[in-house]
Amino acid sequence: MSEDVTFLHKAGLRQALSWVKPGGHVILDASRTLRMDVDVRDVIDDFENRAIEEYITLELLSPDDAKETWIPSFFHKKAS
């Protein structure tokens, strides 16, 4: 993902995640992302729920040095 992930990315992300089959594996690399719109976070939250139901392995890479605290609760790292 880019540094700024806006609502314009929402449709593309939703479409890409819709192609993931049950039992699949997804890595969402947001390690360079500094700002993410709530709409995009909602897409990720929805997919996280689907991943649990469909046994999809989901890896979420969070930024180590985010300037803003946008990180959803399922990221393990928190910005300082």
C-alpha atoms as a PDB file:
ATOM      1  CA  MET A   1       0.000   0.000   0.000  1.00  0.00           C
ATOM      2  CA  SER A   2       1.105   3.571  -0.577  1.00  0.00           C
ATOM      3  CA  GLU A   3       1.733   6.252   2.055  1.00  0.00           C
ATOM      4  CA  ASP A   4      -1.758   7.682   1.594  1.00  0.00           C
ATOM      5  CA  VAL A   5      -4.556   5.161   1.169  1.00  0.00           C
ATOM      6  CA  THR A   6      -7.744   7.052   0.358  1.00  0.00           C
ATOM      7  CA  PHE A   7     -11.337   6.189  -0.426  1.00  0.00           C
ATOM      8  CA  LEU A   8     -10.225   5.978  -4.075  1.00  0.00           C
ATOM      9  CA  HIS A   9      -8.400   2.740  -3.205  1.00  0.00           C
ATOM     10  CA  LYS A  10     -11.489   1.191  -1.608  1.00  0.00           C
ATOM     11  CA  ALA A  11     -13.022  -0.399  -4.725  1.00  0.00           C
ATOM     12  CA  GLY A  12      -9.735  -1.873  -5.950  1.00  0.00           C
ATOM     13  CA  LEU A  13      -8.906  -3.335  -2.562  1.00  0.00           C
ATOM     14  CA  ARG A  14     -12.405  -4.774  -2.155  1.00  0.00           C
ATOM     15  CA  GLN A  15     -12.198  -6.380  -5.616  1.00  0.00           C
ATOM     16  CA  ALA A  16      -8.751  -7.867  -4.985  1.00  0.00           C
ATOM     17  CA  LEU A  17      -9.866  -9.319  -1.648  1.00  0.00           C
ATOM     18  CA  SER A  18     -13.004 -10.790  -3.239  1.00  0.00           C
ATOM     19  CA  TRP A  19     -10.788 -13.037  -5.377  1.00  0.00           C
ATOM     20  CA  VAL A  20      -9.273 -14.748  -2.327  1.00  0.00           C
ATOM     21  CA  LYS A  21     -10.555 -18.295  -2.028  1.00  0.00           C
ATOM     22  CA  PRO A  22     -11.357 -20.042   1.263  1.00  0.00           C
ATOM     23  CA  GLY A  23      -8.207 -21.437   2.809  1.00  0.00           C
ATOM     24  CA  GLY A  24      -6.088 -18.833   1.000  1.00  0.00           C
ATOM     25  CA  HIS A  25      -3.320 -16.608   2.303  1.00  0.00           C
ATOM     26  CA  VAL A  26      -3.213 -12.800   2.105  1.00  0.00           C
ATOM     27  CA  ILE A  27      -0.511 -10.332   3.082  1.00  0.00           C
ATOM     28  CA  LEU A  28      -1.599  -6.699   3.350  1.00  0.00           C
ATOM     29  CA  ASP A  29       1.590  -4.671   3.534  1.00  0.00           C
ATOM     30  CA  ALA A  30       0.834  -1.282   5.042  1.00  0.00           C
ATOM     31  CA  SER A  31       4.353  -0.851   6.378  1.00  0.00           C
ATOM     32  CA  ARG A  32       4.816   2.372   4.356  1.00  0.00           C
ATOM     33  CA  THR A  33       1.307   3.692   4.950  1.00  0.00           C
ATOM     34  CA  LEU A  34       1.078   6.867   7.009  1.00  0.00           C
ATOM     35  CA  ARG A  35      -2.600   7.725   6.517  1.00  0.00           C
ATOM     36  CA  MET A  36      -5.551   5.484   5.723  1.00  0.00           C
ATOM     37  CA  ASP A  37      -9.150   6.597   5.212  1.00  0.00           C
ATOM     38  CA  VAL A  38     -11.777   5.003   7.414  1.00  0.00           C
ATOM     39  CA  ASP A  39     -13.492   3.610   4.289  1.00  0.00           C
ATOM     40  CA  VAL A  40     -10.413   1.531   3.529  1.00  0.00           C
ATOM     41  CA  ARG A  41     -10.176   0.391   7.141  1.00  0.00           C
ATOM     42  CA  ASP A  42     -13.784  -0.769   6.891  1.00  0.00           C
ATOM     43  CA  VAL A  43     -12.912  -2.923   3.855  1.00  0.00           C
ATOM     44  CA  ILE A  44     -10.038  -4.489   5.805  1.00  0.00           C
ATOM     45  CA  ASP A  45     -12.264  -5.053   8.861  1.00  0.00           C
ATOM     46  CA  ASP A  46     -14.893  -6.748   6.679  1.00  0.00           C
ATOM     47  CA  PHE A  47     -12.247  -8.955   5.102  1.00  0.00           C
ATOM     48  CA  GLU A  48     -10.810  -9.845   8.491  1.00  0.00           C
ATOM     49  CA  ASN A  49     -14.231 -11.201   9.501  1.00  0.00           C
ATOM     50  CA  ARG A  50     -14.515 -13.151   6.244  1.00  0.00           C
ATOM     51  CA  ALA A  51     -10.987 -14.490   6.719  1.00  0.00           C
ATOM     52  CA  ILE A  52     -11.940 -15.971  10.081  1.00  0.00           C
ATOM     53  CA  GLU A  53     -15.074 -17.584   8.669  1.00  0.00           C
ATOM     54  CA  GLU A  54     -13.341 -18.978   5.562  1.00  0.00           C
ATOM     55  CA  TYR A  55     -10.028 -20.029   7.142  1.00  0.00           C
ATOM     56  CA  ILE A  56      -8.044 -17.459   5.189  1.00  0.00           C
ATOM     57  CA  THR A  57      -4.654 -16.669   6.672  1.00  0.00           C
ATOM     58  CA  LEU A  58      -4.335 -12.897   6.901  1.00  0.00           C
ATOM     59  CA  GLU A  59      -1.044 -11.132   7.626  1.00  0.00           C
ATOM     60  CA  LEU A  60      -1.229  -7.410   8.245  1.00  0.00           C
ATOM     61  CA  LEU A  61       2.035  -5.502   8.248  1.00  0.00           C
ATOM     62  CA  SER A  62       1.717  -2.197  10.068  1.00  0.00           C
ATOM     63  CA  PRO A  63       3.975   0.842   9.876  1.00  0.00           C
ATOM     64  CA  ASP A  64       6.715   1.100  12.471  1.00  0.00           C
ATOM     65  CA  ASP A  65       6.880   4.873  12.307  1.00  0.00           C
ATOM     66  CA  ALA A  66       3.366   6.037  11.434  1.00  0.00           C
ATOM     67  CA  LYS A  67       2.856   9.752  11.965  1.00  0.00           C
ATOM     68  CA  GLU A  68      -0.792   9.240  12.860  1.00  0.00           C
ATOM     69  CA  THR A  69      -2.496   6.532  14.872  1.00  0.00           C
ATOM     70  CA  TRP A  70      -4.823   5.025  12.269  1.00  0.00           C
ATOM     71  CA  ILE A  71      -3.830   1.462  12.897  1.00  0.00           C
ATOM     72  CA  PRO A  72      -6.786  -0.910  13.379  1.00  0.00           C
ATOM     73  CA  SER A  73      -6.831  -3.015  16.512  1.00  0.00           C
ATOM     74  CA  PHE A  74      -5.728  -6.153  14.681  1.00  0.00           C
ATOM     75  CA  PHE A  75      -2.301  -4.678  13.867  1.00  0.00           C
ATOM     76  CA  HIS A  76       0.174  -5.751  16.489  1.00  0.00           C
ATOM     77  CA  LYS A  77       2.412  -2.679  16.309  1.00  0.00           C
ATOM     78  CA  LYS A  78       1.264   0.755  17.435  1.00  0.00           C
ATOM     79  CA  ALA A  79       2.637   4.104  16.383  1.00  0.00           C
ATOM     80  CA  SER A  80       4.338   6.122  19.093  1.00  0.00           C
END
